Amino acid sequence: MTATAEQVEQASRLKEFSAMVVMGPNPRLLWIREKGVDVPVPPAEERDAHALRKWSELLRRLAQ
């Protein structure tokens, strides 16, 4: 699977870790963290704003 240099460095420091991988023809490591450590979740408003920024053009086209 492909991983960034930062992800490889992070993995080398951890004894136990959790990871999310996208499987397919070219598997990719999405994130890695120490096992048992929770990932902070941004507030709903922040998540919505991010999604709208990222997908606004597509949503505009689909609405036509």
PDB file of N, CA and C in Angstrom:
ATOM      1  N   MET A   1       0.847  -1.176   0.000  1.00  0.00           N
ATOM      2  CA  MET A   1       0.000   0.000   0.000  1.00  0.00           C
ATOM      3  C   MET A   1       0.885   1.228   0.000  1.00  0.00           C
ATOM      4  N   THR A   2       0.372   2.310  -0.506  1.00  0.00           N
ATOM      5  CA  THR A   2       1.131   3.555  -0.506  1.00  0.00           C
ATOM      6  C   THR A   2       0.866   4.306   0.796  1.00  0.00           C
ATOM      7  N   ALA A   3       1.878   5.005   1.251  1.00  0.00           N
ATOM      8  CA  ALA A   3       1.787   5.824   2.460  1.00  0.00           C
ATOM      9  C   ALA A   3       2.751   6.987   2.292  1.00  0.00           C
ATOM     10  N   THR A   4       2.437   8.079   2.962  1.00  0.00           N
ATOM     11  CA  THR A   4       3.335   9.229   2.911  1.00  0.00           C
ATOM     12  C   THR A   4       4.547   8.953   3.810  1.00  0.00           C
ATOM     13  N   ALA A   5       5.597   9.708   3.608  1.00  0.00           N
ATOM     14  CA  ALA A   5       6.784   9.575   4.449  1.00  0.00           C
ATOM     15  C   ALA A   5       6.432   9.853   5.909  1.00  0.00           C
ATOM     16  N   GLU A   6       5.563  10.820   6.126  1.00  0.00           N
ATOM     17  CA  GLU A   6       5.136  11.151   7.491  1.00  0.00           C
ATOM     18  C   GLU A   6       4.418   9.970   8.140  1.00  0.00           C
ATOM     19  N   GLN A   7       3.552   9.283   7.389  1.00  0.00           N
ATOM     20  CA  GLN A   7       2.840   8.129   7.930  1.00  0.00           C
ATOM     21  C   GLN A   7       3.806   6.990   8.267  1.00  0.00           C
ATOM     22  N   VAL A   8       4.794   6.769   7.425  1.00  0.00           N
ATOM     23  CA  VAL A   8       5.790   5.726   7.683  1.00  0.00           C
ATOM     24  C   VAL A   8       6.585   6.061   8.941  1.00  0.00           C
ATOM     25  N   GLU A   9       6.988   7.307   9.081  1.00  0.00           N
ATOM     26  CA  GLU A   9       7.721   7.754  10.267  1.00  0.00           C
ATOM     27  C   GLU A   9       6.879   7.564  11.519  1.00  0.00           C
ATOM     28  N   GLN A  10       5.621   7.952  11.438  1.00  0.00           N
ATOM     29  CA  GLN A  10       4.718   7.818  12.580  1.00  0.00           C
ATOM     30  C   GLN A  10       4.562   6.345  12.963  1.00  0.00           C
ATOM     31  N   ALA A  11       4.366   5.486  12.000  1.00  0.00           N
ATOM     32  CA  ALA A  11       4.192   4.057  12.264  1.00  0.00           C
ATOM     33  C   ALA A  11       5.431   3.461  12.917  1.00  0.00           C
ATOM     34  N   SER A  12       6.599   3.928  12.534  1.00  0.00           N
ATOM     35  CA  SER A  12       7.835   3.368  13.078  1.00  0.00           C
ATOM     36  C   SER A  12       7.998   3.668  14.564  1.00  0.00           C
ATOM     37  N   ARG A  13       7.322   4.717  15.061  1.00  0.00           N
ATOM     38  CA  ARG A  13       7.426   5.097  16.470  1.00  0.00           C
ATOM     39  C   ARG A  13       6.394   4.388  17.346  1.00  0.00           C
ATOM     40  N   LEU A  14       5.374   3.773  16.759  1.00  0.00           N
ATOM     41  CA  LEU A  14       4.273   3.194  17.525  1.00  0.00           C
ATOM     42  C   LEU A  14       4.456   1.692  17.711  1.00  0.00           C
ATOM     43  N   LYS A  15       4.191   1.216  18.933  1.00  0.00           N
ATOM     44  CA  LYS A  15       4.238  -0.220  19.181  1.00  0.00           C
ATOM     45  C   LYS A  15       2.943  -0.876  18.720  1.00  0.00           C
ATOM     46  N   GLU A  16       1.826  -0.276  19.066  1.00  0.00           N
ATOM     47  CA  GLU A  16       0.515  -0.755  18.634  1.00  0.00           C
ATOM     48  C   GLU A  16      -0.222   0.410  18.006  1.00  0.00           C
ATOM     49  N   PHE A  17      -0.872   0.174  16.876  1.00  0.00           N
ATOM     50  CA  PHE A  17      -1.565   1.270  16.207  1.00  0.00           C
ATOM     51  C   PHE A  17      -2.814   0.777  15.503  1.00  0.00           C
ATOM     52  N   SER A  18      -3.674   1.726  15.203  1.00  0.00           N
ATOM     53  CA  SER A  18      -4.852   1.509  14.371  1.00  0.00           C
ATOM     54  C   SER A  18      -4.622   2.277  13.083  1.00  0.00           C
ATOM     55  N   ALA A  19      -5.165   1.762  12.001  1.00  0.00           N
ATOM     56  CA  ALA A  19      -4.988   2.428  10.720  1.00  0.00           C
ATOM     57  C   ALA A  19      -6.235   2.234   9.875  1.00  0.00           C
ATOM     58  N   MET A  20      -6.446   3.164   8.955  1.00  0.00           N
ATOM     59  CA  MET A  20      -7.527   3.016   7.980  1.00  0.00           C
ATOM     60  C   MET A  20      -6.888   2.954   6.602  1.00  0.00           C
ATOM     61  N   VAL A  21      -7.247   1.899   5.876  1.00  0.00           N
ATOM     62  CA  VAL A  21      -6.673   1.656   4.560  1.00  0.00           C
ATOM     63  C   VAL A  21      -7.805   1.542   3.552  1.00  0.00           C
ATOM     64  N   VAL A  22      -7.640   2.177   2.389  1.00  0.00           N
ATOM     65  CA  VAL A  22      -8.575   2.005   1.278  1.00  0.00           C
ATOM     66  C   VAL A  22      -8.013   0.885   0.421  1.00  0.00           C
ATOM     67  N   MET A  23      -8.775  -0.199   0.301  1.00  0.00           N
ATOM     68  CA  MET A  23      -8.326  -1.342  -0.484  1.00  0.00           C
ATOM     69  C   MET A  23      -8.812  -1.183  -1.927  1.00  0.00           C
ATOM     70  N   GLY A  24      -8.056  -1.695  -2.845  1.00  0.00           N
ATOM     71  CA  GLY A  24      -8.387  -1.638  -4.263  1.00  0.00           C
ATOM     72  C   GLY A  24      -7.148  -1.946  -5.059  1.00  0.00           C
ATOM     73  N   PRO A  25      -7.155  -1.607  -6.336  1.00  0.00           N
ATOM     74  CA  PRO A  25      -5.981  -1.877  -7.166  1.00  0.00           C
ATOM     75  C   PRO A  25      -4.720  -1.198  -6.617  1.00  0.00           C
ATOM     76  N   ASN A  26      -4.890  -0.027  -6.008  1.00  0.00           N
ATOM     77  CA  ASN A  26      -3.767   0.710  -5.418  1.00  0.00           C
ATOM     78  C   ASN A  26      -4.121   1.073  -3.978  1.00  0.00           C
ATOM     79  N   PRO A  27      -3.987   0.130  -3.025  1.00  0.00           N
ATOM     80  CA  PRO A  27      -4.376   0.428  -1.635  1.00  0.00           C
ATOM     81  C   PRO A  27      -3.601   1.622  -1.083  1.00  0.00           C
ATOM     82  N   ARG A  28      -4.298   2.432  -0.256  1.00  0.00           N
ATOM     83  CA  ARG A  28      -3.681   3.629   0.333  1.00  0.00           C
ATOM     84  C   ARG A  28      -3.945   3.668   1.824  1.00  0.00           C
ATOM     85  N   LEU A  29      -2.951   4.119   2.561  1.00  0.00           N
ATOM     86  CA  LEU A  29      -3.096   4.350   3.988  1.00  0.00           C
ATOM     87  C   LEU A  29      -3.688   5.743   4.167  1.00  0.00           C
ATOM     88  N   LEU A  30      -4.881   5.826   4.778  1.00  0.00           N
ATOM     89  CA  LEU A  30      -5.525   7.128   4.983  1.00  0.00           C
ATOM     90  C   LEU A  30      -5.058   7.799   6.264  1.00  0.00           C
ATOM     91  N   TRP A  31      -5.036   7.035   7.368  1.00  0.00           N
ATOM     92  CA  TRP A  31      -4.562   7.591   8.623  1.00  0.00           C
ATOM     93  C   TRP A  31      -4.019   6.477   9.491  1.00  0.00           C
ATOM     94  N   ILE A  32      -3.207   6.882  10.463  1.00  0.00           N
ATOM     95  CA  ILE A  32      -2.618   5.957  11.417  1.00  0.00           C
ATOM     96  C   ILE A  32      -2.523   6.688  12.744  1.00  0.00           C
ATOM     97  N   ARG A  33      -2.791   5.964  13.833  1.00  0.00           N
ATOM     98  CA  ARG A  33      -2.686   6.572  15.162  1.00  0.00           C
ATOM     99  C   ARG A  33      -2.402   5.485  16.191  1.00  0.00           C
ATOM    100  N   GLU A  34      -1.941   5.917  17.344  1.00  0.00           N
ATOM    101  CA  GLU A  34      -1.659   4.973  18.418  1.00  0.00           C
ATOM    102  C   GLU A  34      -2.946   4.287  18.834  1.00  0.00           C
ATOM    103  N   LYS A  35      -2.875   2.988  19.056  1.00  0.00           N
ATOM    104  CA  LYS A  35      -4.058   2.226  19.434  1.00  0.00           C
ATOM    105  C   LYS A  35      -4.651   2.787  20.725  1.00  0.00           C
ATOM    106  N   GLY A  36      -5.961   2.962  20.740  1.00  0.00           N
ATOM    107  CA  GLY A  36      -6.656   3.461  21.912  1.00  0.00           C
ATOM    108  C   GLY A  36      -6.774   4.969  21.998  1.00  0.00           C
ATOM    109  N   VAL A  37      -6.129   5.701  21.095  1.00  0.00           N
ATOM    110  CA  VAL A  37      -6.203   7.162  21.105  1.00  0.00           C
ATOM    111  C   VAL A  37      -7.352   7.598  20.200  1.00  0.00           C
ATOM    112  N   ASP A  38      -8.258   8.373  20.766  1.00  0.00           N
ATOM    113  CA  ASP A  38      -9.393   8.865  19.988  1.00  0.00           C
ATOM    114  C   ASP A  38      -8.972  10.028  19.094  1.00  0.00           C
ATOM    115  N   VAL A  39      -9.594  10.101  17.942  1.00  0.00           N
ATOM    116  CA  VAL A  39      -9.350  11.205  17.020  1.00  0.00           C
ATOM    117  C   VAL A  39     -10.349  12.309  17.339  1.00  0.00           C
ATOM    118  N   PRO A  40      -9.879  13.543  17.520  1.00  0.00           N
ATOM    119  CA  PRO A  40     -10.824  14.627  17.780  1.00  0.00           C
ATOM    120  C   PRO A  40     -11.740  14.839  16.576  1.00  0.00           C
ATOM    121  N   VAL A  41     -13.017  14.989  16.854  1.00  0.00           N
ATOM    122  CA  VAL A  41     -14.000  15.199  15.793  1.00  0.00           C
ATOM    123  C   VAL A  41     -14.434  16.651  15.815  1.00  0.00           C
ATOM    124  N   PRO A  42     -14.287  17.352  14.676  1.00  0.00           N
ATOM    125  CA  PRO A  42     -14.709  18.756  14.653  1.00  0.00           C
ATOM    126  C   PRO A  42     -16.223  18.876  14.828  1.00  0.00           C
ATOM    127  N   PRO A  43     -16.680  20.026  15.291  1.00  0.00           N
ATOM    128  CA  PRO A  43     -18.117  20.245  15.450  1.00  0.00           C
ATOM    129  C   PRO A  43     -18.848  20.097  14.115  1.00  0.00           C
ATOM    130  N   ALA A  44     -20.137  19.777  14.182  1.00  0.00           N
ATOM    131  CA  ALA A  44     -20.947  19.551  12.985  1.00  0.00           C
ATOM    132  C   ALA A  44     -20.897  20.745  12.034  1.00  0.00           C
ATOM    133  N   GLU A  45     -20.932  21.958  12.574  1.00  0.00           N
ATOM    134  CA  GLU A  45     -20.918  23.147  11.723  1.00  0.00           C
ATOM    135  C   GLU A  45     -19.625  23.215  10.907  1.00  0.00           C
ATOM    136  N   GLU A  46     -18.524  22.863  11.538  1.00  0.00           N
ATOM    137  CA  GLU A  46     -17.227  22.885  10.855  1.00  0.00           C
ATOM    138  C   GLU A  46     -17.172  21.803   9.764  1.00  0.00           C
ATOM    139  N   ARG A  47     -17.698  20.622  10.088  1.00  0.00           N
ATOM    140  CA  ARG A  47     -17.740  19.545   9.087  1.00  0.00           C
ATOM    141  C   ARG A  47     -18.616  19.931   7.902  1.00  0.00           C
ATOM    142  N   ASP A  48     -19.775  20.527   8.183  1.00  0.00           N
ATOM    143  CA  ASP A  48     -20.679  20.952   7.105  1.00  0.00           C
ATOM    144  C   ASP A  48     -20.022  21.997   6.220  1.00  0.00           C
ATOM    145  N   ALA A  49     -19.366  22.981   6.840  1.00  0.00           N
ATOM    146  CA  ALA A  49     -18.714  24.041   6.075  1.00  0.00           C
ATOM    147  C   ALA A  49     -17.621  23.459   5.185  1.00  0.00           C
ATOM    148  N   HIS A  50     -16.859  22.514   5.715  1.00  0.00           N
ATOM    149  CA  HIS A  50     -15.810  21.869   4.919  1.00  0.00           C
ATOM    150  C   HIS A  50     -16.416  21.128   3.730  1.00  0.00           C
ATOM    151  N   ALA A  51     -17.472  20.359   3.973  1.00  0.00           N
ATOM    152  CA  ALA A  51     -18.115  19.600   2.891  1.00  0.00           C
ATOM    153  C   ALA A  51     -18.662  20.536   1.821  1.00  0.00           C
ATOM    154  N   LEU A  52     -19.274  21.633   2.230  1.00  0.00           N
ATOM    155  CA  LEU A  52     -19.817  22.581   1.257  1.00  0.00           C
ATOM    156  C   LEU A  52     -18.717  23.239   0.442  1.00  0.00           C
ATOM    157  N   ARG A  53     -17.590  23.595   1.087  1.00  0.00           N
ATOM    158  CA  ARG A  53     -16.461  24.162   0.336  1.00  0.00           C
ATOM    159  C   ARG A  53     -15.938  23.158  -0.683  1.00  0.00           C
ATOM    160  N   LYS A  54     -15.814  21.919  -0.261  1.00  0.00           N
ATOM    161  CA  LYS A  54     -15.219  20.899  -1.122  1.00  0.00           C
ATOM    162  C   LYS A  54     -16.149  20.505  -2.271  1.00  0.00           C
ATOM    163  N   TRP A  55     -17.445  20.431  -2.007  1.00  0.00           N
ATOM    164  CA  TRP A  55     -18.378  19.872  -2.984  1.00  0.00           C
ATOM    165  C   TRP A  55     -19.343  20.899  -3.585  1.00  0.00           C
ATOM    166  N   SER A  56     -19.169  22.182  -3.297  1.00  0.00           N
ATOM    167  CA  SER A  56     -20.149  23.179  -3.738  1.00  0.00           C
ATOM    168  C   SER A  56     -20.326  23.197  -5.258  1.00  0.00           C
ATOM    169  N   GLU A  57     -19.246  23.091  -6.010  1.00  0.00           N
ATOM    170  CA  GLU A  57     -19.362  23.122  -7.473  1.00  0.00           C
ATOM    171  C   GLU A  57     -20.147  21.915  -7.983  1.00  0.00           C
ATOM    172  N   LEU A  58     -19.857  20.741  -7.474  1.00  0.00           N
ATOM    173  CA  LEU A  58     -20.595  19.543  -7.881  1.00  0.00           C
ATOM    174  C   LEU A  58     -22.060  19.657  -7.493  1.00  0.00           C
ATOM    175  N   LEU A  59     -22.335  20.120  -6.277  1.00  0.00           N
ATOM    176  CA  LEU A  59     -23.712  20.275  -5.845  1.00  0.00           C
ATOM    177  C   LEU A  59     -24.463  21.281  -6.710  1.00  0.00           C
ATOM    178  N   ARG A  60     -23.771  22.350  -7.108  1.00  0.00           N
ATOM    179  CA  ARG A  60     -24.381  23.346  -7.984  1.00  0.00           C
ATOM    180  C   ARG A  60     -24.755  22.721  -9.315  1.00  0.00           C
ATOM    181  N   ARG A  61     -23.868  21.920  -9.884  1.00  0.00           N
ATOM    182  CA  ARG A  61     -24.131  21.270 -11.177  1.00  0.00           C
ATOM    183  C   ARG A  61     -25.263  20.266 -11.085  1.00  0.00           C
ATOM    184  N   LEU A  62     -25.296  19.503 -10.001  1.00  0.00           N
ATOM    185  CA  LEU A  62     -26.367  18.507  -9.826  1.00  0.00           C
ATOM    186  C   LEU A  62     -27.726  19.169  -9.639  1.00  0.00           C
ATOM    187  N   ALA A  63     -27.733  20.368  -9.080  1.00  0.00           N
ATOM    188  CA  ALA A  63     -28.993  21.066  -8.848  1.00  0.00           C
ATOM    189  C   ALA A  63     -29.615  21.595 -10.135  1.00  0.00           C
ATOM    190  N   GLN A  64     -28.836  21.679 -11.211  1.00  0.00           N
ATOM    191  CA  GLN A  64     -29.373  22.250 -12.456  1.00  0.00           C
ATOM    192  C   GLN A  64     -30.261  21.264 -13.182  1.00  0.00           C
TER     193      GLN A  64
END
